[in-house]
């Protein structure tokens, strides 16, 4: 596997963490989200779509080297975390809650997240985190909506 694909699949090397590589990859995604402002309504979906498609490609290549949905492959966590934060205001408390929600949902894998892992190659690697990110995003939007109602 080429070097660049390996670096991308491993979330810039965070997938090589000896402790909780998926969590470390999600933390990388949170830091990038906080630093890089691409939340423009029309740019963010493009970044997510390109990240997802790139993730399908490089995680498929990485599976051939490291095995099915290997722990070293964390590009799925990176993109999933970005999905969790989509179309939300940039607030640190939302990012922290989003990080924990995404990790819980990615580990728990509620229906149909677990089933989506059975898709072939990189599609299965990426889709489960995409769905976990969608669930987290819905919960975060509800939290944002009710924050104004409950703590105003």
C-alpha atoms as a PDB file:
ATOM      1  CA  UNK A   1       0.000   0.000   0.000  1.00  0.00           C
ATOM      2  CA  UNK A   2       1.313   3.416  -0.869  1.00  0.00           C
ATOM      3  CA  UNK A   3       2.576   5.668   1.885  1.00  0.00           C
ATOM      4  CA  UNK A   4       0.006   8.445   1.470  1.00  0.00           C
ATOM      5  CA  UNK A   5      -2.925   6.021   1.562  1.00  0.00           C
ATOM      6  CA  UNK A   6      -1.487   4.430   4.706  1.00  0.00           C
ATOM      7  CA  UNK A   7      -1.052   7.830   6.381  1.00  0.00           C
ATOM      8  CA  UNK A   8      -4.617   8.864   5.493  1.00  0.00           C
ATOM      9  CA  UNK A   9      -6.179   5.531   6.484  1.00  0.00           C
ATOM     10  CA  UNK A  10      -4.429   5.721   9.847  1.00  0.00           C
ATOM     11  CA  UNK A  11      -5.659   9.258  10.511  1.00  0.00           C
ATOM     12  CA  UNK A  12      -2.217  10.858  10.082  1.00  0.00           C
ATOM     13  CA  UNK A  13      -0.739   8.060  12.181  1.00  0.00           C
ATOM     14  CA  UNK A  14      -3.191   8.246  15.107  1.00  0.00           C
ATOM     15  CA  UNK A  15      -4.352   4.722  14.242  1.00  0.00           C
ATOM     16  CA  UNK A  16      -0.968   3.462  15.449  1.00  0.00           C
ATOM     17  CA  UNK A  17      -1.711   4.630  18.997  1.00  0.00           C
ATOM     18  CA  UNK A  18      -1.238   1.715  21.411  1.00  0.00           C
ATOM     19  CA  UNK A  19      -4.273   2.884  23.411  1.00  0.00           C
ATOM     20  CA  UNK A  20      -7.734   3.380  21.888  1.00  0.00           C
ATOM     21  CA  UNK A  21      -6.705   4.327  18.325  1.00  0.00           C
ATOM     22  CA  UNK A  22     -10.322   5.051  17.332  1.00  0.00           C
ATOM     23  CA  UNK A  23     -10.658   7.515  20.186  1.00  0.00           C
ATOM     24  CA  UNK A  24      -7.341   9.147  19.324  1.00  0.00           C
ATOM     25  CA  UNK A  25      -8.464   9.435  15.679  1.00  0.00           C
ATOM     26  CA  UNK A  26     -11.738  11.019  16.818  1.00  0.00           C
ATOM     27  CA  UNK A  27      -9.762  13.443  18.972  1.00  0.00           C
ATOM     28  CA  UNK A  28      -7.688  14.401  15.913  1.00  0.00           C
ATOM     29  CA  UNK A  29     -10.934  15.067  14.017  1.00  0.00           C
ATOM     30  CA  UNK A  30     -12.204  17.254  16.881  1.00  0.00           C
ATOM     31  CA  UNK A  31      -8.982  19.285  16.913  1.00  0.00           C
ATOM     32  CA  UNK A  32      -9.080  19.760  13.126  1.00  0.00           C
ATOM     33  CA  UNK A  33     -12.758  20.742  13.345  1.00  0.00           C
ATOM     34  CA  UNK A  34     -11.960  23.319  16.027  1.00  0.00           C
ATOM     35  CA  UNK A  35      -8.974  24.824  14.191  1.00  0.00           C
ATOM     36  CA  UNK A  36     -10.146  24.728  10.555  1.00  0.00           C
ATOM     37  CA  UNK A  37     -13.349  26.606   9.857  1.00  0.00           C
ATOM     38  CA  UNK A  38     -15.133  24.927   6.938  1.00  0.00           C
ATOM     39  CA  UNK A  39     -18.617  25.189   8.365  1.00  0.00           C
ATOM     40  CA  UNK A  40     -19.946  27.205   5.418  1.00  0.00           C
ATOM     41  CA  UNK A  41     -23.250  25.586   4.457  1.00  0.00           C
ATOM     42  CA  UNK A  42     -22.080  24.583   0.980  1.00  0.00           C
ATOM     43  CA  UNK A  43     -18.432  23.710   1.723  1.00  0.00           C
ATOM     44  CA  UNK A  44     -19.013  21.389   4.681  1.00  0.00           C
ATOM     45  CA  UNK A  45     -21.086  18.815   2.732  1.00  0.00           C
ATOM     46  CA  UNK A  46     -18.408  18.749   0.021  1.00  0.00           C
ATOM     47  CA  UNK A  47     -15.689  18.138   2.616  1.00  0.00           C
ATOM     48  CA  UNK A  48     -17.783  15.347   4.174  1.00  0.00           C
ATOM     49  CA  UNK A  49     -18.547  13.703   0.821  1.00  0.00           C
ATOM     50  CA  UNK A  50     -14.933  13.861  -0.336  1.00  0.00           C
ATOM     51  CA  UNK A  51     -13.706  12.644   3.064  1.00  0.00           C
ATOM     52  CA  UNK A  52     -16.153   9.737   2.950  1.00  0.00           C
ATOM     53  CA  UNK A  53     -15.215   8.698  -0.600  1.00  0.00           C
ATOM     54  CA  UNK A  54     -11.494   9.070   0.127  1.00  0.00           C
ATOM     55  CA  UNK A  55     -12.062   7.022   3.272  1.00  0.00           C
ATOM     56  CA  UNK A  56     -13.801   4.251   1.317  1.00  0.00           C
ATOM     57  CA  UNK A  57     -10.834   4.071  -1.031  1.00  0.00           C
ATOM     58  CA  UNK A  58      -7.964   4.212   1.482  1.00  0.00           C
ATOM     59  CA  UNK A  59      -9.648   2.011   4.095  1.00  0.00           C
ATOM     60  CA  UNK A  60     -10.305  -0.596   1.389  1.00  0.00           C
ATOM     61  CA  UNK A  61      -6.604  -0.508   0.529  1.00  0.00           C
ATOM     62  CA  UNK A  62      -5.664  -0.631   4.217  1.00  0.00           C
ATOM     63  CA  UNK A  63      -7.863  -3.666   4.836  1.00  0.00           C
ATOM     64  CA  UNK A  64      -5.833  -5.589   2.265  1.00  0.00           C
ATOM     65  CA  UNK A  65      -2.712  -4.851   4.334  1.00  0.00           C
ATOM     66  CA  UNK A  66      -3.954  -4.780   7.927  1.00  0.00           C
ATOM     67  CA  UNK A  67      -7.153  -6.879   7.877  1.00  0.00           C
ATOM     68  CA  UNK A  68     -10.889  -6.208   8.010  1.00  0.00           C
ATOM     69  CA  UNK A  69     -11.683  -2.926   9.795  1.00  0.00           C
ATOM     70  CA  UNK A  70      -8.333  -3.088  11.589  1.00  0.00           C
ATOM     71  CA  UNK A  71      -7.801  -0.809  14.581  1.00  0.00           C
ATOM     72  CA  UNK A  72      -5.153   1.093  12.653  1.00  0.00           C
ATOM     73  CA  UNK A  73      -7.798   2.311  10.209  1.00  0.00           C
ATOM     74  CA  UNK A  74      -9.237   5.457  11.793  1.00  0.00           C
ATOM     75  CA  UNK A  75     -10.168   7.635   8.822  1.00  0.00           C
ATOM     76  CA  UNK A  76     -13.700   6.374   9.468  1.00  0.00           C
ATOM     77  CA  UNK A  77     -13.630   7.890  12.958  1.00  0.00           C
ATOM     78  CA  UNK A  78     -12.271  11.167  11.579  1.00  0.00           C
ATOM     79  CA  UNK A  79     -15.062  11.533   9.026  1.00  0.00           C
ATOM     80  CA  UNK A  80     -17.699  10.206  11.446  1.00  0.00           C
ATOM     81  CA  UNK A  81     -16.714  12.819  14.024  1.00  0.00           C
ATOM     82  CA  UNK A  82     -17.001  15.550  11.389  1.00  0.00           C
ATOM     83  CA  UNK A  83     -20.473  14.257  10.501  1.00  0.00           C
ATOM     84  CA  UNK A  84     -21.412  14.446  14.184  1.00  0.00           C
ATOM     85  CA  UNK A  85     -20.520  18.163  14.216  1.00  0.00           C
ATOM     86  CA  UNK A  86     -22.156  19.088  10.900  1.00  0.00           C
ATOM     87  CA  UNK A  87     -24.261  22.269  10.742  1.00  0.00           C
ATOM     88  CA  UNK A  88     -23.838  23.129  14.408  1.00  0.00           C
ATOM     89  CA  UNK A  89     -22.566  26.359  15.912  1.00  0.00           C
ATOM     90  CA  UNK A  90     -18.925  26.276  16.909  1.00  0.00           C
ATOM     91  CA  UNK A  91     -19.268  25.908  20.665  1.00  0.00           C
ATOM     92  CA  UNK A  92     -16.717  24.060  22.783  1.00  0.00           C
ATOM     93  CA  UNK A  93     -19.384  22.394  24.936  1.00  0.00           C
ATOM     94  CA  UNK A  94     -21.024  20.993  21.781  1.00  0.00           C
ATOM     95  CA  UNK A  95     -17.684  19.681  20.550  1.00  0.00           C
ATOM     96  CA  UNK A  96     -16.987  17.930  23.863  1.00  0.00           C
ATOM     97  CA  UNK A  97     -20.471  16.402  24.021  1.00  0.00           C
ATOM     98  CA  UNK A  98     -20.249  15.520  20.323  1.00  0.00           C
ATOM     99  CA  UNK A  99     -16.945  13.746  20.863  1.00  0.00           C
ATOM    100  CA  UNK A 100     -18.331  11.606  23.679  1.00  0.00           C
ATOM    101  CA  UNK A 101     -21.653  10.953  21.928  1.00  0.00           C
ATOM    102  CA  UNK A 102     -19.912   9.885  18.749  1.00  0.00           C
ATOM    103  CA  UNK A 103     -17.538   7.553  20.599  1.00  0.00           C
ATOM    104  CA  UNK A 104     -20.393   5.933  22.558  1.00  0.00           C
ATOM    105  CA  UNK A 105     -22.508   5.453  19.436  1.00  0.00           C
ATOM    106  CA  UNK A 106     -19.537   4.185  17.416  1.00  0.00           C
ATOM    107  CA  UNK A 107     -18.751   1.584  20.096  1.00  0.00           C
ATOM    108  CA  UNK A 108     -22.377   0.660  20.880  1.00  0.00           C
ATOM    109  CA  UNK A 109     -23.421   0.544  17.197  1.00  0.00           C
ATOM    110  CA  UNK A 110     -27.218   0.841  17.441  1.00  0.00           C
ATOM    111  CA  UNK A 111     -29.334  -0.431  14.537  1.00  0.00           C
ATOM    112  CA  UNK A 112     -28.483  -0.253  11.616  1.00  0.00           C
ATOM    113  CA  UNK A 113     -24.910   0.826  12.404  1.00  0.00           C
ATOM    114  CA  UNK A 114     -23.662  -2.692  13.235  1.00  0.00           C
ATOM    115  CA  UNK A 115     -25.320  -4.195  10.161  1.00  0.00           C
ATOM    116  CA  UNK A 116     -23.674  -1.614   7.879  1.00  0.00           C
ATOM    117  CA  UNK A 117     -20.231  -3.003   8.761  1.00  0.00           C
ATOM    118  CA  UNK A 118     -21.052  -6.003   6.578  1.00  0.00           C
ATOM    119  CA  UNK A 119     -20.867  -3.892   3.431  1.00  0.00           C
ATOM    120  CA  UNK A 120     -17.873  -4.895   1.295  1.00  0.00           C
ATOM    121  CA  UNK A 121     -14.433  -3.347   1.687  1.00  0.00           C
ATOM    122  CA  UNK A 122     -14.077   0.299   2.580  1.00  0.00           C
ATOM    123  CA  UNK A 123     -17.852   0.827   2.322  1.00  0.00           C
ATOM    124  CA  UNK A 124     -18.433  -1.169   5.510  1.00  0.00           C
ATOM    125  CA  UNK A 125     -15.538   0.508   7.305  1.00  0.00           C
ATOM    126  CA  UNK A 126     -16.835   3.987   6.549  1.00  0.00           C
ATOM    127  CA  UNK A 127     -20.615   3.549   6.656  1.00  0.00           C
ATOM    128  CA  UNK A 128     -20.902   2.453  10.281  1.00  0.00           C
ATOM    129  CA  UNK A 129     -19.091   5.600  11.434  1.00  0.00           C
ATOM    130  CA  UNK A 130     -21.100   7.744   9.044  1.00  0.00           C
ATOM    131  CA  UNK A 131     -24.301   6.431  10.636  1.00  0.00           C
ATOM    132  CA  UNK A 132     -22.951   6.789  14.188  1.00  0.00           C
ATOM    133  CA  UNK A 133     -22.027  10.377  13.288  1.00  0.00           C
ATOM    134  CA  UNK A 134     -25.557  10.984  11.966  1.00  0.00           C
ATOM    135  CA  UNK A 135     -27.090   9.714  15.220  1.00  0.00           C
ATOM    136  CA  UNK A 136     -24.737  11.902  17.259  1.00  0.00           C
ATOM    137  CA  UNK A 137     -25.525  14.884  15.033  1.00  0.00           C
ATOM    138  CA  UNK A 138     -29.273  14.505  15.575  1.00  0.00           C
ATOM    139  CA  UNK A 139     -28.771  14.320  19.348  1.00  0.00           C
ATOM    140  CA  UNK A 140     -26.475  17.363  19.268  1.00  0.00           C
ATOM    141  CA  UNK A 141     -29.010  19.384  17.290  1.00  0.00           C
ATOM    142  CA  UNK A 142     -31.638  18.479  19.885  1.00  0.00           C
ATOM    143  CA  UNK A 143     -29.245  19.507  22.677  1.00  0.00           C
ATOM    144  CA  UNK A 144     -28.578  22.826  20.943  1.00  0.00           C
ATOM    145  CA  UNK A 145     -32.300  23.449  20.435  1.00  0.00           C
ATOM    146  CA  UNK A 146     -33.256  22.616  24.013  1.00  0.00           C
ATOM    147  CA  UNK A 147     -30.280  24.455  25.521  1.00  0.00           C
ATOM    148  CA  UNK A 148     -32.001  27.739  24.760  1.00  0.00           C
ATOM    149  CA  UNK A 149     -35.279  26.450  26.182  1.00  0.00           C
ATOM    150  CA  UNK A 150     -33.871  24.930  29.375  1.00  0.00           C
ATOM    151  CA  UNK A 151     -31.053  27.285  30.351  1.00  0.00           C
ATOM    152  CA  UNK A 152     -32.245  30.617  29.030  1.00  0.00           C
END
